[in-house]
PDB file of N, CA and C in Angstrom:
ATOM      1  N   MET A   1     -26.357 -34.472  57.910  1.00  0.00           N
ATOM      2  CA  MET A   1     -25.197 -34.595  57.045  1.00  0.00           C
ATOM      3  C   MET A   1     -25.663 -34.953  55.633  1.00  0.00           C
ATOM      4  N   LYS A   2     -25.071 -34.286  54.649  1.00  0.00           N
ATOM      5  CA  LYS A   2     -25.441 -34.527  53.262  1.00  0.00           C
ATOM      6  C   LYS A   2     -24.561 -35.618  52.672  1.00  0.00           C
ATOM      7  N   ASN A   3     -25.135 -36.387  51.824  1.00  0.00           N
ATOM      8  CA  ASN A   3     -24.339 -37.300  51.007  1.00  0.00           C
ATOM      9  C   ASN A   3     -24.722 -37.059  49.551  1.00  0.00           C
ATOM     10  N   LYS A   4     -24.122 -37.815  48.649  1.00  0.00           N
ATOM     11  CA  LYS A   4     -24.359 -37.528  47.236  1.00  0.00           C
ATOM     12  C   LYS A   4     -25.753 -37.925  46.750  1.00  0.00           C
ATOM     13  N   LEU A   5     -26.523 -38.575  47.563  1.00  0.00           N
ATOM     14  CA  LEU A   5     -27.877 -38.941  47.159  1.00  0.00           C
ATOM     15  C   LEU A   5     -28.926 -37.956  47.657  1.00  0.00           C
ATOM     16  N   THR A   6     -28.512 -36.978  48.491  1.00  0.00           N
ATOM     17  CA  THR A   6     -29.490 -36.019  48.977  1.00  0.00           C
ATOM     18  C   THR A   6     -29.823 -35.018  47.875  1.00  0.00           C
ATOM     19  N   ALA A   7     -30.984 -34.449  47.976  1.00  0.00           N
ATOM     20  CA  ALA A   7     -31.426 -33.483  46.968  1.00  0.00           C
ATOM     21  C   ALA A   7     -30.526 -32.254  46.987  1.00  0.00           C
ATOM     22  N   GLY A   8     -30.188 -31.757  45.814  1.00  0.00           N
ATOM     23  CA  GLY A   8     -29.354 -30.563  45.705  1.00  0.00           C
ATOM     24  C   GLY A   8     -27.876 -30.853  45.562  1.00  0.00           C
ATOM     25  N   SER A   9     -27.475 -32.086  45.676  1.00  0.00           N
ATOM     26  CA  SER A   9     -26.045 -32.378  45.492  1.00  0.00           C
ATOM     27  C   SER A   9     -25.742 -32.468  44.003  1.00  0.00           C
ATOM     28  N   ASN A  10     -24.512 -32.264  43.656  1.00  0.00           N
ATOM     29  CA  ASN A  10     -24.115 -32.209  42.259  1.00  0.00           C
ATOM     30  C   ASN A  10     -23.555 -33.559  41.832  1.00  0.00           C
ATOM     31  N   LEU A  11     -24.438 -34.447  41.397  1.00  0.00           N
ATOM     32  CA  LEU A  11     -24.009 -35.791  41.010  1.00  0.00           C
ATOM     33  C   LEU A  11     -23.218 -35.796  39.707  1.00  0.00           C
ATOM     34  N   LEU A  12     -23.419 -34.778  38.890  1.00  0.00           N
ATOM     35  CA  LEU A  12     -22.734 -34.738  37.603  1.00  0.00           C
ATOM     36  C   LEU A  12     -21.222 -34.687  37.779  1.00  0.00           C
ATOM     37  N   TRP A  13     -20.746 -33.945  38.764  1.00  0.00           N
ATOM     38  CA  TRP A  13     -19.301 -33.764  38.939  1.00  0.00           C
ATOM     39  C   TRP A  13     -18.714 -34.622  40.050  1.00  0.00           C
ATOM     40  N   GLU A  14     -19.491 -35.448  40.685  1.00  0.00           N
ATOM     41  CA  GLU A  14     -18.986 -36.270  41.785  1.00  0.00           C
ATOM     42  C   GLU A  14     -17.867 -37.202  41.355  1.00  0.00           C
ATOM     43  N   SER A  15     -17.978 -37.768  40.178  1.00  0.00           N
ATOM     44  CA  SER A  15     -16.987 -38.768  39.777  1.00  0.00           C
ATOM     45  C   SER A  15     -15.761 -38.153  39.096  1.00  0.00           C
ATOM     46  N   SER A  16     -15.749 -36.851  38.875  1.00  0.00           N
ATOM     47  CA  SER A  16     -14.637 -36.256  38.137  1.00  0.00           C
ATOM     48  C   SER A  16     -13.689 -35.468  39.025  1.00  0.00           C
ATOM     49  N   ARG A  17     -13.555 -35.854  40.250  1.00  0.00           N
ATOM     50  CA  ARG A  17     -12.659 -35.143  41.157  1.00  0.00           C
ATOM     51  C   ARG A  17     -11.213 -35.536  40.955  1.00  0.00           C
ATOM     52  N   MET A  18     -10.947 -36.602  40.278  1.00  0.00           N
ATOM     53  CA  MET A  18      -9.582 -37.061  40.068  1.00  0.00           C
ATOM     54  C   MET A  18      -9.292 -37.047  38.572  1.00  0.00           C
ATOM     55  N   MET A  19      -8.085 -36.589  38.219  1.00  0.00           N
ATOM     56  CA  MET A  19      -7.703 -36.549  36.810  1.00  0.00           C
ATOM     57  C   MET A  19      -6.458 -37.398  36.614  1.00  0.00           C
ATOM     58  N   LEU A  20      -6.415 -38.078  35.493  1.00  0.00           N
ATOM     59  CA  LEU A  20      -5.242 -38.867  35.157  1.00  0.00           C
ATOM     60  C   LEU A  20      -4.109 -37.947  34.700  1.00  0.00           C
ATOM     61  N   PRO A  21      -2.864 -38.352  34.897  1.00  0.00           N
ATOM     62  CA  PRO A  21      -1.740 -37.520  34.449  1.00  0.00           C
ATOM     63  C   PRO A  21      -1.771 -37.239  32.943  1.00  0.00           C
ATOM     64  N   GLU A  22      -2.277 -38.183  32.176  1.00  0.00           N
ATOM     65  CA  GLU A  22      -2.364 -37.979  30.722  1.00  0.00           C
ATOM     66  C   GLU A  22      -3.338 -36.848  30.392  1.00  0.00           C
ATOM     67  N   HIS A  23      -4.435 -36.795  31.151  1.00  0.00           N
ATOM     68  CA  HIS A  23      -5.410 -35.739  30.920  1.00  0.00           C
ATOM     69  C   HIS A  23      -4.843 -34.377  31.312  1.00  0.00           C
ATOM     70  N   LYS A  24      -4.116 -34.329  32.423  1.00  0.00           N
ATOM     71  CA  LYS A  24      -3.487 -33.075  32.835  1.00  0.00           C
ATOM     72  C   LYS A  24      -2.494 -32.593  31.786  1.00  0.00           C
ATOM     73  N   ALA A  25      -1.704 -33.505  31.234  1.00  0.00           N
ATOM     74  CA  ALA A  25      -0.722 -33.131  30.215  1.00  0.00           C
ATOM     75  C   ALA A  25      -1.419 -32.600  28.964  1.00  0.00           C
ATOM     76  N   LEU A  26      -2.516 -33.243  28.564  1.00  0.00           N
ATOM     77  CA  LEU A  26      -3.263 -32.770  27.395  1.00  0.00           C
ATOM     78  C   LEU A  26      -3.881 -31.394  27.638  1.00  0.00           C
ATOM     79  N   LEU A  27      -4.399 -31.157  28.837  1.00  0.00           N
ATOM     80  CA  LEU A  27      -4.967 -29.852  29.154  1.00  0.00           C
ATOM     81  C   LEU A  27      -3.904 -28.758  29.140  1.00  0.00           C
ATOM     82  N   ARG A  28      -2.725 -29.043  29.677  1.00  0.00           N
ATOM     83  CA  ARG A  28      -1.630 -28.059  29.659  1.00  0.00           C
ATOM     84  C   ARG A  28      -1.173 -27.777  28.229  1.00  0.00           C
ATOM     85  N   GLU A  29      -1.094 -28.817  27.420  1.00  0.00           N
ATOM     86  CA  GLU A  29      -0.695 -28.647  26.023  1.00  0.00           C
ATOM     87  C   GLU A  29      -1.732 -27.808  25.274  1.00  0.00           C
ATOM     88  N   HIS A  30      -3.000 -28.057  25.540  1.00  0.00           N
ATOM     89  CA  HIS A  30      -4.061 -27.292  24.890  1.00  0.00           C
ATOM     90  C   HIS A  30      -4.002 -25.817  25.303  1.00  0.00           C
ATOM     91  N   GLU A  31      -3.778 -25.544  26.574  1.00  0.00           N
ATOM     92  CA  GLU A  31      -3.669 -24.158  27.053  1.00  0.00           C
ATOM     93  C   GLU A  31      -2.489 -23.445  26.403  1.00  0.00           C
ATOM     94  N   ALA A  32      -1.369 -24.151  26.273  1.00  0.00           N
ATOM     95  CA  ALA A  32      -0.188 -23.540  25.659  1.00  0.00           C
ATOM     96  C   ALA A  32      -0.420 -23.256  24.182  1.00  0.00           C
ATOM     97  N   SER A  33      -1.117 -24.135  23.486  1.00  0.00           N
ATOM     98  CA  SER A  33      -1.330 -23.943  22.050  1.00  0.00           C
ATOM     99  C   SER A  33      -2.418 -22.905  21.766  1.00  0.00           C
ATOM    100  N   ARG A  34      -3.257 -22.607  22.726  1.00  0.00           N
ATOM    101  CA  ARG A  34      -4.311 -21.617  22.525  1.00  0.00           C
ATOM    102  C   ARG A  34      -3.759 -20.221  22.303  1.00  0.00           C
ATOM    103  N   ASP A  35      -2.647 -19.905  22.944  1.00  0.00           N
ATOM    104  CA  ASP A  35      -2.070 -18.572  22.842  1.00  0.00           C
ATOM    105  C   ASP A  35      -1.143 -18.418  21.649  1.00  0.00           C
ATOM    106  N   LYS A  36      -0.810 -19.497  20.955  1.00  0.00           N
ATOM    107  CA  LYS A  36       0.102 -19.416  19.824  1.00  0.00           C
ATOM    108  C   LYS A  36      -0.587 -18.748  18.645  1.00  0.00           C
ATOM    109  N   LYS A  37       0.149 -17.892  17.985  1.00  0.00           N
ATOM    110  CA  LYS A  37      -0.358 -17.208  16.800  1.00  0.00           C
ATOM    111  C   LYS A  37       0.272 -17.824  15.559  1.00  0.00           C
ATOM    112  N   GLN A  38      -0.391 -17.657  14.445  1.00  0.00           N
ATOM    113  CA  GLN A  38       0.112 -18.176  13.173  1.00  0.00           C
ATOM    114  C   GLN A  38       0.761 -17.047  12.375  1.00  0.00           C
ATOM    115  N   ARG A  39       1.745 -17.414  11.559  1.00  0.00           N
ATOM    116  CA  ARG A  39       2.377 -16.440  10.670  1.00  0.00           C
ATOM    117  C   ARG A  39       1.335 -15.977   9.662  1.00  0.00           C
ATOM    118  N   PRO A  40       1.228 -14.675   9.463  1.00  0.00           N
ATOM    119  CA  PRO A  40       0.205 -14.177   8.539  1.00  0.00           C
ATOM    120  C   PRO A  40       0.543 -14.501   7.084  1.00  0.00           C
ATOM    121  N   SER A  41      -0.481 -14.681   6.293  1.00  0.00           N
ATOM    122  CA  SER A  41      -0.307 -14.845   4.848  1.00  0.00           C
ATOM    123  C   SER A  41      -1.127 -13.748   4.176  1.00  0.00           C
ATOM    124  N   TYR A  42      -0.493 -13.048   3.240  1.00  0.00           N
ATOM    125  CA  TYR A  42      -1.104 -11.869   2.651  1.00  0.00           C
ATOM    126  C   TYR A  42      -1.295 -12.021   1.162  1.00  0.00           C
ATOM    127  N   ASP A  43      -2.195 -11.208   0.640  1.00  0.00           N
ATOM    128  CA  ASP A  43      -2.357 -11.114  -0.801  1.00  0.00           C
ATOM    129  C   ASP A  43      -1.429 -10.012  -1.333  1.00  0.00           C
ATOM    130  N   GLU A  44      -1.335  -9.923  -2.622  1.00  0.00           N
ATOM    131  CA  GLU A  44      -0.412  -8.992  -3.273  1.00  0.00           C
ATOM    132  C   GLU A  44      -0.756  -7.535  -2.969  1.00  0.00           C
ATOM    133  N   GLN A  45      -2.029  -7.227  -2.890  1.00  0.00           N
ATOM    134  CA  GLN A  45      -2.461  -5.849  -2.635  1.00  0.00           C
ATOM    135  C   GLN A  45      -2.019  -5.383  -1.246  1.00  0.00           C
ATOM    136  N   PHE A  46      -2.170  -6.228  -0.249  1.00  0.00           N
ATOM    137  CA  PHE A  46      -1.786  -5.855   1.114  1.00  0.00           C
ATOM    138  C   PHE A  46      -0.275  -5.662   1.207  1.00  0.00           C
ATOM    139  N   LEU A  47       0.507  -6.538   0.570  1.00  0.00           N
ATOM    140  CA  LEU A  47       1.962  -6.391   0.581  1.00  0.00           C
ATOM    141  C   LEU A  47       2.391  -5.103  -0.118  1.00  0.00           C
ATOM    142  N   THR A  48       1.742  -4.752  -1.198  1.00  0.00           N
ATOM    143  CA  THR A  48       2.047  -3.508  -1.903  1.00  0.00           C
ATOM    144  C   THR A  48       1.780  -2.307  -1.002  1.00  0.00           C
ATOM    145  N   ASP A  49       0.690  -2.367  -0.252  1.00  0.00           N
ATOM    146  CA  ASP A  49       0.364  -1.284   0.670  1.00  0.00           C
ATOM    147  C   ASP A  49       1.406  -1.179   1.790  1.00  0.00           C
ATOM    148  N   LEU A  50       1.860  -2.326   2.329  1.00  0.00           N
ATOM    149  CA  LEU A  50       2.885  -2.306   3.369  1.00  0.00           C
ATOM    150  C   LEU A  50       4.196  -1.705   2.849  1.00  0.00           C
ATOM    151  N   VAL A  51       4.594  -2.085   1.651  1.00  0.00           N
ATOM    152  CA  VAL A  51       5.826  -1.549   1.060  1.00  0.00           C
ATOM    153  C   VAL A  51       5.700  -0.038   0.881  1.00  0.00           C
ATOM    154  N   TYR A  52       4.542   0.421   0.429  1.00  0.00           N
ATOM    155  CA  TYR A  52       4.324   1.861   0.261  1.00  0.00           C
ATOM    156  C   TYR A  52       4.439   2.588   1.600  1.00  0.00           C
ATOM    157  N   GLN A  53       3.840   2.036   2.659  1.00  0.00           N
ATOM    158  CA  GLN A  53       3.915   2.660   3.980  1.00  0.00           C
ATOM    159  C   GLN A  53       5.350   2.692   4.501  1.00  0.00           C
ATOM    160  N   ILE A  54       6.105   1.615   4.272  1.00  0.00           N
ATOM    161  CA  ILE A  54       7.504   1.560   4.720  1.00  0.00           C
ATOM    162  C   ILE A  54       8.327   2.615   3.984  1.00  0.00           C
ATOM    163  N   GLU A  55       8.190   2.693   2.671  1.00  0.00           N
ATOM    164  CA  GLU A  55       8.976   3.652   1.895  1.00  0.00           C
ATOM    165  C   GLU A  55       8.590   5.093   2.225  1.00  0.00           C
ATOM    166  N   THR A  56       7.318   5.356   2.445  1.00  0.00           N
ATOM    167  CA  THR A  56       6.883   6.701   2.823  1.00  0.00           C
ATOM    168  C   THR A  56       7.455   7.099   4.181  1.00  0.00           C
ATOM    169  N   ALA A  57       7.412   6.187   5.138  1.00  0.00           N
ATOM    170  CA  ALA A  57       7.966   6.470   6.466  1.00  0.00           C
ATOM    171  C   ALA A  57       9.480   6.675   6.394  1.00  0.00           C
ATOM    172  N   PHE A  58      10.155   5.938   5.514  1.00  0.00           N
ATOM    173  CA  PHE A  58      11.596   6.083   5.354  1.00  0.00           C
ATOM    174  C   PHE A  58      11.946   7.434   4.735  1.00  0.00           C
ATOM    175  N   ILE A  59      11.226   7.826   3.705  1.00  0.00           N
ATOM    176  CA  ILE A  59      11.498   9.098   3.022  1.00  0.00           C
ATOM    177  C   ILE A  59      11.195  10.284   3.935  1.00  0.00           C
ATOM    178  N   GLU A  60      10.083  10.212   4.665  1.00  0.00           N
ATOM    179  CA  GLU A  60       9.678  11.314   5.542  1.00  0.00           C
ATOM    180  C   GLU A  60      10.354  11.276   6.909  1.00  0.00           C
ATOM    181  N   ASN A  61      11.124  10.231   7.184  1.00  0.00           N
ATOM    182  CA  ASN A  61      11.831  10.059   8.456  1.00  0.00           C
ATOM    183  C   ASN A  61      10.857  10.136   9.641  1.00  0.00           C
ATOM    184  N   ARG A  62       9.743   9.398   9.528  1.00  0.00           N
ATOM    185  CA  ARG A  62       8.690   9.388  10.540  1.00  0.00           C
ATOM    186  C   ARG A  62       8.890   8.272  11.545  1.00  0.00           C
ATOM    187  N   MET A  63       8.382   8.496  12.755  1.00  0.00           N
ATOM    188  CA  MET A  63       8.285   7.435  13.752  1.00  0.00           C
ATOM    189  C   MET A  63       7.087   6.562  13.398  1.00  0.00           C
ATOM    190  N   ILE A  64       7.267   5.249  13.467  1.00  0.00           N
ATOM    191  CA  ILE A  64       6.175   4.324  13.177  1.00  0.00           C
ATOM    192  C   ILE A  64       6.026   3.342  14.331  1.00  0.00           C
ATOM    193  N   LYS A  65       4.845   2.779  14.425  1.00  0.00           N
ATOM    194  CA  LYS A  65       4.572   1.702  15.373  1.00  0.00           C
ATOM    195  C   LYS A  65       4.351   0.451  14.537  1.00  0.00           C
ATOM    196  N   LEU A  66       5.173  -0.543  14.775  1.00  0.00           N
ATOM    197  CA  LEU A  66       5.212  -1.745  13.952  1.00  0.00           C
ATOM    198  C   LEU A  66       4.710  -2.937  14.759  1.00  0.00           C
ATOM    199  N   THR A  67       3.805  -3.717  14.193  1.00  0.00           N
ATOM    200  CA  THR A  67       3.367  -4.972  14.796  1.00  0.00           C
ATOM    201  C   THR A  67       3.893  -6.092  13.911  1.00  0.00           C
ATOM    202  N   TYR A  68       4.610  -7.048  14.512  1.00  0.00           N
ATOM    203  CA  TYR A  68       5.251  -8.115  13.743  1.00  0.00           C
ATOM    204  C   TYR A  68       5.097  -9.462  14.434  1.00  0.00           C
ATOM    205  N   TYR A  69       5.334 -10.517  13.669  1.00  0.00           N
ATOM    206  CA  TYR A  69       5.223 -11.904  14.145  1.00  0.00           C
ATOM    207  C   TYR A  69       6.614 -12.437  14.463  1.00  0.00           C
ATOM    208  N   GLU A  70       6.750 -13.041  15.655  1.00  0.00           N
ATOM    209  CA  GLU A  70       8.010 -13.695  16.023  1.00  0.00           C
ATOM    210  C   GLU A  70       7.731 -14.683  17.152  1.00  0.00           C
ATOM    211  N   ASP A  71       8.276 -15.868  17.048  1.00  0.00           N
ATOM    212  CA  ASP A  71       8.156 -16.901  18.082  1.00  0.00           C
ATOM    213  C   ASP A  71       6.707 -17.198  18.459  1.00  0.00           C
ATOM    214  N   GLU A  72       5.854 -17.381  17.460  1.00  0.00           N
ATOM    215  CA  GLU A  72       4.449 -17.748  17.631  1.00  0.00           C
ATOM    216  C   GLU A  72       3.654 -16.728  18.449  1.00  0.00           C
ATOM    217  N   ALA A  73       4.043 -15.460  18.331  1.00  0.00           N
ATOM    218  CA  ALA A  73       3.323 -14.389  19.018  1.00  0.00           C
ATOM    219  C   ALA A  73       3.482 -13.099  18.226  1.00  0.00           C
ATOM    220  N   TYR A  74       2.626 -12.124  18.531  1.00  0.00           N
ATOM    221  CA  TYR A  74       2.709 -10.812  17.907  1.00  0.00           C
ATOM    222  C   TYR A  74       3.373  -9.843  18.876  1.00  0.00           C
ATOM    223  N   HIS A  75       4.266  -9.014  18.349  1.00  0.00           N
ATOM    224  CA  HIS A  75       4.999  -8.046  19.165  1.00  0.00           C
ATOM    225  C   HIS A  75       4.882  -6.670  18.527  1.00  0.00           C
ATOM    226  N   GLU A  76       5.146  -5.634  19.316  1.00  0.00           N
ATOM    227  CA  GLU A  76       5.108  -4.268  18.810  1.00  0.00           C
ATOM    228  C   GLU A  76       6.451  -3.600  19.046  1.00  0.00           C
ATOM    229  N   ARG A  77       6.808  -2.699  18.148  1.00  0.00           N
ATOM    230  CA  ARG A  77       8.056  -1.953  18.256  1.00  0.00           C
ATOM    231  C   ARG A  77       7.825  -0.574  17.662  1.00  0.00           C
ATOM    232  N   THR A  78       8.436   0.434  18.227  1.00  0.00           N
ATOM    233  CA  THR A  78       8.325   1.800  17.743  1.00  0.00           C
ATOM    234  C   THR A  78       9.710   2.302  17.384  1.00  0.00           C
ATOM    235  N   GLY A  79       9.812   3.012  16.270  1.00  0.00           N
ATOM    236  CA  GLY A  79      11.089   3.579  15.858  1.00  0.00           C
ATOM    237  C   GLY A  79      11.004   4.186  14.473  1.00  0.00           C
ATOM    238  N   LYS A  80      12.196   4.484  13.921  1.00  0.00           N
ATOM    239  CA  LYS A  80      12.291   5.043  12.575  1.00  0.00           C
ATOM    240  C   LYS A  80      12.980   4.042  11.665  1.00  0.00           C
ATOM    241  N   ILE A  81      12.543   3.997  10.411  1.00  0.00           N
ATOM    242  CA  ILE A  81      13.168   3.113   9.433  1.00  0.00           C
ATOM    243  C   ILE A  81      14.446   3.795   8.946  1.00  0.00           C
ATOM    244  N   THR A  82      15.583   3.103   9.117  1.00  0.00           N
ATOM    245  CA  THR A  82      16.870   3.706   8.761  1.00  0.00           C
ATOM    246  C   THR A  82      17.480   3.094   7.517  1.00  0.00           C
ATOM    247  N   ALA A  83      17.020   1.924   7.094  1.00  0.00           N
ATOM    248  CA  ALA A  83      17.562   1.299   5.885  1.00  0.00           C
ATOM    249  C   ALA A  83      16.525   0.339   5.313  1.00  0.00           C
ATOM    250  N   ILE A  84      16.548   0.210   3.973  1.00  0.00           N
ATOM    251  CA  ILE A  84      15.656  -0.722   3.280  1.00  0.00           C
ATOM    252  C   ILE A  84      16.495  -1.559   2.330  1.00  0.00           C
ATOM    253  N   ASN A  85      16.318  -2.882   2.390  1.00  0.00           N
ATOM    254  CA  ASN A  85      16.975  -3.802   1.472  1.00  0.00           C
ATOM    255  C   ASN A  85      15.876  -4.441   0.617  1.00  0.00           C
ATOM    256  N   ARG A  86      15.720  -3.946  -0.598  1.00  0.00           N
ATOM    257  CA  ARG A  86      14.628  -4.408  -1.458  1.00  0.00           C
ATOM    258  C   ARG A  86      14.856  -5.834  -1.971  1.00  0.00           C
ATOM    259  N   GLU A  87      16.107  -6.235  -2.150  1.00  0.00           N
ATOM    260  CA  GLU A  87      16.396  -7.585  -2.645  1.00  0.00           C
ATOM    261  C   GLU A  87      15.979  -8.649  -1.649  1.00  0.00           C
ATOM    262  N   ARG A  88      16.250  -8.427  -0.385  1.00  0.00           N
ATOM    263  CA  ARG A  88      15.901  -9.400   0.655  1.00  0.00           C
ATOM    264  C   ARG A  88      14.533  -9.128   1.268  1.00  0.00           C
ATOM    265  N   GLN A  89      13.885  -8.041   0.864  1.00  0.00           N
ATOM    266  CA  GLN A  89      12.598  -7.619   1.411  1.00  0.00           C
ATOM    267  C   GLN A  89      12.684  -7.439   2.922  1.00  0.00           C
ATOM    268  N   GLN A  90      13.715  -6.707   3.343  1.00  0.00           N
ATOM    269  CA  GLN A  90      13.934  -6.417   4.751  1.00  0.00           C
ATOM    270  C   GLN A  90      14.124  -4.925   4.938  1.00  0.00           C
ATOM    271  N   PHE A  91      13.926  -4.480   6.164  1.00  0.00           N
ATOM    272  CA  PHE A  91      14.222  -3.094   6.510  1.00  0.00           C
ATOM    273  C   PHE A  91      14.733  -3.047   7.935  1.00  0.00           C
ATOM    274  N   GLN A  92      15.371  -1.941   8.263  1.00  0.00           N
ATOM    275  CA  GLN A  92      15.985  -1.769   9.575  1.00  0.00           C
ATOM    276  C   GLN A  92      15.199  -0.715  10.334  1.00  0.00           C
ATOM    277  N   LEU A  93      14.817  -1.032  11.562  1.00  0.00           N
ATOM    278  CA  LEU A  93      14.065  -0.120  12.413  1.00  0.00           C
ATOM    279  C   LEU A  93      14.935   0.236  13.609  1.00  0.00           C
ATOM    280  N   SER A  94      15.140   1.525  13.818  1.00  0.00           N
ATOM    281  CA  SER A  94      15.986   1.985  14.924  1.00  0.00           C
ATOM    282  C   SER A  94      15.156   2.779  15.912  1.00  0.00           C
ATOM    283  N   SER A  95      15.351   2.465  17.181  1.00  0.00           N
ATOM    284  CA  SER A  95      14.732   3.237  18.259  1.00  0.00           C
ATOM    285  C   SER A  95      15.857   3.881  19.062  1.00  0.00           C
ATOM    286  N   LYS A  96      15.532   4.478  20.179  1.00  0.00           N
ATOM    287  CA  LYS A  96      16.559   5.133  20.995  1.00  0.00           C
ATOM    288  C   LYS A  96      17.554   4.134  21.572  1.00  0.00           C
ATOM    289  N   THR A  97      17.095   2.914  21.826  1.00  0.00           N
ATOM    290  CA  THR A  97      17.953   1.948  22.521  1.00  0.00           C
ATOM    291  C   THR A  97      18.492   0.837  21.640  1.00  0.00           C
ATOM    292  N   GLU A  98      17.806   0.496  20.552  1.00  0.00           N
ATOM    293  CA  GLU A  98      18.248  -0.654  19.763  1.00  0.00           C
ATOM    294  C   GLU A  98      17.885  -0.516  18.297  1.00  0.00           C
ATOM    295  N   THR A  99      18.536  -1.356  17.482  1.00  0.00           N
ATOM    296  CA  THR A  99      18.289  -1.411  16.045  1.00  0.00           C
ATOM    297  C   THR A  99      18.030  -2.860  15.663  1.00  0.00           C
ATOM    298  N   ASP A 100      16.932  -3.095  14.939  1.00  0.00           N
ATOM    299  CA  ASP A 100      16.559  -4.456  14.538  1.00  0.00           C
ATOM    300  C   ASP A 100      16.223  -4.488  13.060  1.00  0.00           C
ATOM    301  N   ARG A 101      16.394  -5.677  12.467  1.00  0.00           N
ATOM    302  CA  ARG A 101      16.000  -5.902  11.077  1.00  0.00           C
ATOM    303  C   ARG A 101      14.714  -6.721  11.073  1.00  0.00           C
ATOM    304  N   PHE A 102      13.809  -6.354  10.179  1.00  0.00           N
ATOM    305  CA  PHE A 102      12.533  -7.042  10.052  1.00  0.00           C
ATOM    306  C   PHE A 102      12.323  -7.444   8.610  1.00  0.00           C
ATOM    307  N   SER A 103      11.661  -8.569   8.421  1.00  0.00           N
ATOM    308  CA  SER A 103      11.314  -9.043   7.092  1.00  0.00           C
ATOM    309  C   SER A 103       9.881  -8.639   6.784  1.00  0.00           C
ATOM    310  N   LEU A 104       9.617  -8.391   5.534  1.00  0.00           N
ATOM    311  CA  LEU A 104       8.277  -8.005   5.101  1.00  0.00           C
ATOM    312  C   LEU A 104       7.267  -9.115   5.396  1.00  0.00           C
ATOM    313  N   ILE A 105       7.708 -10.354   5.363  1.00  0.00           N
ATOM    314  CA  ILE A 105       6.832 -11.510   5.593  1.00  0.00           C
ATOM    315  C   ILE A 105       6.277 -11.511   7.025  1.00  0.00           C
ATOM    316  N   ASP A 106       7.050 -10.977   7.985  1.00  0.00           N
ATOM    317  CA  ASP A 106       6.661 -11.037   9.384  1.00  0.00           C
ATOM    318  C   ASP A 106       5.783  -9.867   9.847  1.00  0.00           C
ATOM    319  N   LEU A 107       5.531  -8.912   8.981  1.00  0.00           N
ATOM    320  CA  LEU A 107       4.764  -7.733   9.383  1.00  0.00           C
ATOM    321  C   LEU A 107       3.279  -8.032   9.516  1.00  0.00           C
ATOM    322  N   ILE A 108       2.674  -7.440  10.515  1.00  0.00           N
ATOM    323  CA  ILE A 108       1.242  -7.523  10.709  1.00  0.00           C
ATOM    324  C   ILE A 108       0.602  -6.181  10.322  1.00  0.00           C
ATOM    325  N   SER A 109       1.153  -5.091  10.866  1.00  0.00           N
ATOM    326  CA  SER A 109       0.621  -3.769  10.536  1.00  0.00           C
ATOM    327  C   SER A 109       1.668  -2.696  10.818  1.00  0.00           C
ATOM    328  N   ILE A 110       1.441  -1.534  10.203  1.00  0.00           N
ATOM    329  CA  ILE A 110       2.288  -0.352  10.427  1.00  0.00           C
ATOM    330  C   ILE A 110       1.354   0.817  10.688  1.00  0.00           C
ATOM    331  N   GLU A 111       1.653   1.580  11.730  1.00  0.00           N
ATOM    332  CA  GLU A 111       0.847   2.768  12.039  1.00  0.00           C
ATOM    333  C   GLU A 111       1.742   3.981  12.093  1.00  0.00           C
TER     334      GLU A 111
END
């Protein structure tokens, strides 16, 4: 019969078989925060390029694939741009099933 003093036993982890509730809560909080994304911050050149892509897609009535930030995560949506509000820096994206408004601040990329 082996005990913790026999050769080949793992003494390093012998004492860590029990975790305190505080440690479990911290580990769960860390796991949850690992998947959270941050709102992007852009320079003027990148925003100008995004506006150009949005207006070109609107004029040409093209289908686009949009990646945007919402609720600490990145999401994708496909559709056509049906309206642009330059004052509020928003545009409307319509697909076969739904229509949504997006802000320029929340955009990650347009394809």
